Amino acid sequence: MELIKIVKGEDKEIAIKIINISTGDPFDLTNKVLTGVLKASSGPNVIIPNSAFVILDALLGKIKMTLGDAVTTLLAPGPASFEIVMVEGPDIKIVQFQNVLEIKARI
């Protein structure tokens, strides 16, 4: 995934395709409930609610994650990572995207 730049206080939509890193196959998101966590290099972690995710194509692992201005305002400037937590019944899977975000201060 390319580096994504986010300015604090802006709305940001991020298109994501989740694949199995071992096989390269898309991850099937059918019946999954998605949440997440943004992890800045400094400052608090920020929860990404289920309402921030739209599954565009479940079989191809395609989603859209929308971070509203209220969320991006909480992020400390600098590199950041995020996790997507996928839940289906008792099964939980976590996908990590390390150092793919660059948070910029608003000028």
C-alpha atoms as a PDB file:
ATOM      1  CA  MET A   1       0.000   0.000   0.000  1.00  0.00           C
ATOM      2  CA  GLU A   2       1.295   3.466  -0.903  1.00  0.00           C
ATOM      3  CA  LEU A   3       1.900   6.107   1.754  1.00  0.00           C
ATOM      4  CA  ILE A   4      -1.345   7.978   2.435  1.00  0.00           C
ATOM      5  CA  LYS A   5      -1.137  11.591   3.590  1.00  0.00           C
ATOM      6  CA  ILE A   6      -3.802  12.929   5.923  1.00  0.00           C
ATOM      7  CA  VAL A   7      -4.067  16.530   7.087  1.00  0.00           C
ATOM      8  CA  LYS A   8      -5.377  16.827  10.663  1.00  0.00           C
ATOM      9  CA  GLY A   9      -9.008  17.884  10.612  1.00  0.00           C
ATOM     10  CA  GLU A  10      -9.800  16.760   7.053  1.00  0.00           C
ATOM     11  CA  ASP A  11     -12.186  14.036   5.913  1.00  0.00           C
ATOM     12  CA  LYS A  12     -10.309  11.208   4.204  1.00  0.00           C
ATOM     13  CA  GLU A  13     -11.604   8.219   2.230  1.00  0.00           C
ATOM     14  CA  ILE A  14      -9.180   5.333   1.778  1.00  0.00           C
ATOM     15  CA  ALA A  15      -9.769   2.461  -0.673  1.00  0.00           C
ATOM     16  CA  ILE A  16      -8.350  -0.819   0.633  1.00  0.00           C
ATOM     17  CA  LYS A  17      -8.059  -4.311  -0.801  1.00  0.00           C
ATOM     18  CA  ILE A  18      -7.420  -6.952   1.850  1.00  0.00           C
ATOM     19  CA  ILE A  19      -5.434  -9.941   0.598  1.00  0.00           C
ATOM     20  CA  ASN A  20      -3.973 -13.028   2.204  1.00  0.00           C
ATOM     21  CA  ILE A  21      -0.258 -12.235   2.256  1.00  0.00           C
ATOM     22  CA  SER A  22       0.653 -15.942   2.073  1.00  0.00           C
ATOM     23  CA  THR A  23      -1.386 -16.760  -1.031  1.00  0.00           C
ATOM     24  CA  GLY A  24      -2.077 -13.369  -2.615  1.00  0.00           C
ATOM     25  CA  ASP A  25      -5.779 -14.243  -2.760  1.00  0.00           C
ATOM     26  CA  PRO A  26      -8.408 -11.654  -1.784  1.00  0.00           C
ATOM     27  CA  PHE A  27      -9.781 -12.037   1.727  1.00  0.00           C
ATOM     28  CA  ASP A  28     -13.504 -12.924   1.698  1.00  0.00           C
ATOM     29  CA  LEU A  29     -15.352 -10.304   3.765  1.00  0.00           C
ATOM     30  CA  THR A  30     -18.789 -11.911   3.473  1.00  0.00           C
ATOM     31  CA  ASN A  31     -20.664 -11.571   6.809  1.00  0.00           C
ATOM     32  CA  LYS A  32     -17.722  -9.774   8.464  1.00  0.00           C
ATOM     33  CA  VAL A  33     -18.192  -6.846  10.849  1.00  0.00           C
ATOM     34  CA  LEU A  34     -15.295  -4.402  10.567  1.00  0.00           C
ATOM     35  CA  THR A  35     -13.821  -2.013  13.123  1.00  0.00           C
ATOM     36  CA  GLY A  36     -10.329  -0.635  13.484  1.00  0.00           C
ATOM     37  CA  VAL A  37      -7.683   1.274  15.395  1.00  0.00           C
ATOM     38  CA  LEU A  38      -5.430   4.103  14.215  1.00  0.00           C
ATOM     39  CA  LYS A  39      -2.027   4.076  15.902  1.00  0.00           C
ATOM     40  CA  ALA A  40       0.045   7.237  15.597  1.00  0.00           C
ATOM     41  CA  SER A  41       3.735   7.214  16.508  1.00  0.00           C
ATOM     42  CA  SER A  42       2.832   9.495  19.421  1.00  0.00           C
ATOM     43  CA  GLY A  43      -0.453  10.383  21.041  1.00  0.00           C
ATOM     44  CA  PRO A  44      -3.461   8.193  21.784  1.00  0.00           C
ATOM     45  CA  ASN A  45      -4.802   5.381  19.655  1.00  0.00           C
ATOM     46  CA  VAL A  46      -8.056   6.255  17.890  1.00  0.00           C
ATOM     47  CA  ILE A  47     -10.901   3.759  17.419  1.00  0.00           C
ATOM     48  CA  ILE A  48     -12.351   3.459  13.904  1.00  0.00           C
ATOM     49  CA  PRO A  49     -16.043   2.520  14.285  1.00  0.00           C
ATOM     50  CA  ASN A  50     -17.908   0.039  12.099  1.00  0.00           C
ATOM     51  CA  SER A  51     -19.768   2.958  10.498  1.00  0.00           C
ATOM     52  CA  ALA A  52     -16.456   4.122   8.921  1.00  0.00           C
ATOM     53  CA  PHE A  53     -16.288   1.004   6.730  1.00  0.00           C
ATOM     54  CA  VAL A  54     -18.180   0.152   3.558  1.00  0.00           C
ATOM     55  CA  ILE A  55     -17.611  -3.254   1.966  1.00  0.00           C
ATOM     56  CA  LEU A  56     -17.482  -2.563  -1.778  1.00  0.00           C
ATOM     57  CA  ASP A  57     -16.901  -6.152  -2.946  1.00  0.00           C
ATOM     58  CA  ALA A  58     -16.893  -8.812  -0.230  1.00  0.00           C
ATOM     59  CA  LEU A  59     -15.480 -11.616  -2.388  1.00  0.00           C
ATOM     60  CA  LEU A  60     -12.605  -9.447  -3.664  1.00  0.00           C
ATOM     61  CA  GLY A  61     -11.784  -8.030  -0.206  1.00  0.00           C
ATOM     62  CA  LYS A  62     -12.475  -4.438  -1.296  1.00  0.00           C
ATOM     63  CA  ILE A  63     -13.524  -1.849   1.268  1.00  0.00           C
ATOM     64  CA  LYS A  64     -13.673   1.902   1.734  1.00  0.00           C
ATOM     65  CA  MET A  65     -12.629   3.378   5.077  1.00  0.00           C
ATOM     66  CA  THR A  66     -13.833   6.926   5.730  1.00  0.00           C
ATOM     67  CA  LEU A  67     -12.106   8.920   8.445  1.00  0.00           C
ATOM     68  CA  GLY A  68     -14.103  11.994   9.389  1.00  0.00           C
ATOM     69  CA  ASP A  69     -12.609  15.277  10.523  1.00  0.00           C
ATOM     70  CA  ALA A  70     -13.468  14.466  14.152  1.00  0.00           C
ATOM     71  CA  VAL A  71     -11.219  11.387  13.900  1.00  0.00           C
ATOM     72  CA  THR A  72      -8.313  12.920  11.981  1.00  0.00           C
ATOM     73  CA  THR A  73      -8.203  15.877  14.378  1.00  0.00           C
ATOM     74  CA  LEU A  74      -7.231  13.443  17.157  1.00  0.00           C
ATOM     75  CA  LEU A  75      -4.159  12.120  15.312  1.00  0.00           C
ATOM     76  CA  ALA A  76      -0.671  13.310  16.219  1.00  0.00           C
ATOM     77  CA  PRO A  77       1.491  14.509  13.299  1.00  0.00           C
ATOM     78  CA  GLY A  78       3.979  11.967  11.979  1.00  0.00           C
ATOM     79  CA  PRO A  79       3.868   8.371  10.759  1.00  0.00           C
ATOM     80  CA  ALA A  80       0.904   6.221  11.692  1.00  0.00           C
ATOM     81  CA  SER A  81      -0.399   2.699  11.265  1.00  0.00           C
ATOM     82  CA  PHE A  82      -3.836   1.152  11.443  1.00  0.00           C
ATOM     83  CA  GLU A  83      -5.459  -2.200  12.084  1.00  0.00           C
ATOM     84  CA  ILE A  84      -8.702  -3.551  10.725  1.00  0.00           C
ATOM     85  CA  VAL A  85     -10.491  -6.012  12.994  1.00  0.00           C
ATOM     86  CA  MET A  86     -12.806  -8.428  11.183  1.00  0.00           C
ATOM     87  CA  VAL A  87     -15.359 -10.331  13.244  1.00  0.00           C
ATOM     88  CA  GLU A  88     -17.717 -13.103  12.193  1.00  0.00           C
ATOM     89  CA  GLY A  89     -19.370 -14.831  15.142  1.00  0.00           C
ATOM     90  CA  PRO A  90     -16.575 -16.096  17.421  1.00  0.00           C
ATOM     91  CA  ASP A  91     -13.887 -15.690  14.732  1.00  0.00           C
ATOM     92  CA  ILE A  92     -11.679 -12.588  14.885  1.00  0.00           C
ATOM     93  CA  LYS A  93      -8.989 -11.669  12.381  1.00  0.00           C
ATOM     94  CA  ILE A  94      -6.744  -8.610  12.539  1.00  0.00           C
ATOM     95  CA  VAL A  95      -5.029  -7.084   9.513  1.00  0.00           C
ATOM     96  CA  GLN A  96      -2.222  -4.601  10.178  1.00  0.00           C
ATOM     97  CA  PHE A  97      -1.093  -1.777   7.886  1.00  0.00           C
ATOM     98  CA  GLN A  98       2.171  -0.547   9.393  1.00  0.00           C
ATOM     99  CA  ASN A  99       3.531   2.946   8.718  1.00  0.00           C
ATOM    100  CA  VAL A 100       1.272   3.562   5.720  1.00  0.00           C
ATOM    101  CA  LEU A 101      -0.144   6.873   6.961  1.00  0.00           C
ATOM    102  CA  GLU A 102       1.591  10.246   7.259  1.00  0.00           C
ATOM    103  CA  ILE A 103      -0.327  12.693   9.443  1.00  0.00           C
ATOM    104  CA  LYS A 104       0.336  16.354   8.631  1.00  0.00           C
ATOM    105  CA  ALA A 105      -0.452  19.351  10.834  1.00  0.00           C
ATOM    106  CA  ARG A 106      -2.951  21.790   9.417  1.00  0.00           C
ATOM    107  CA  ILE A 107      -1.296  25.062   8.352  1.00  0.00           C
END
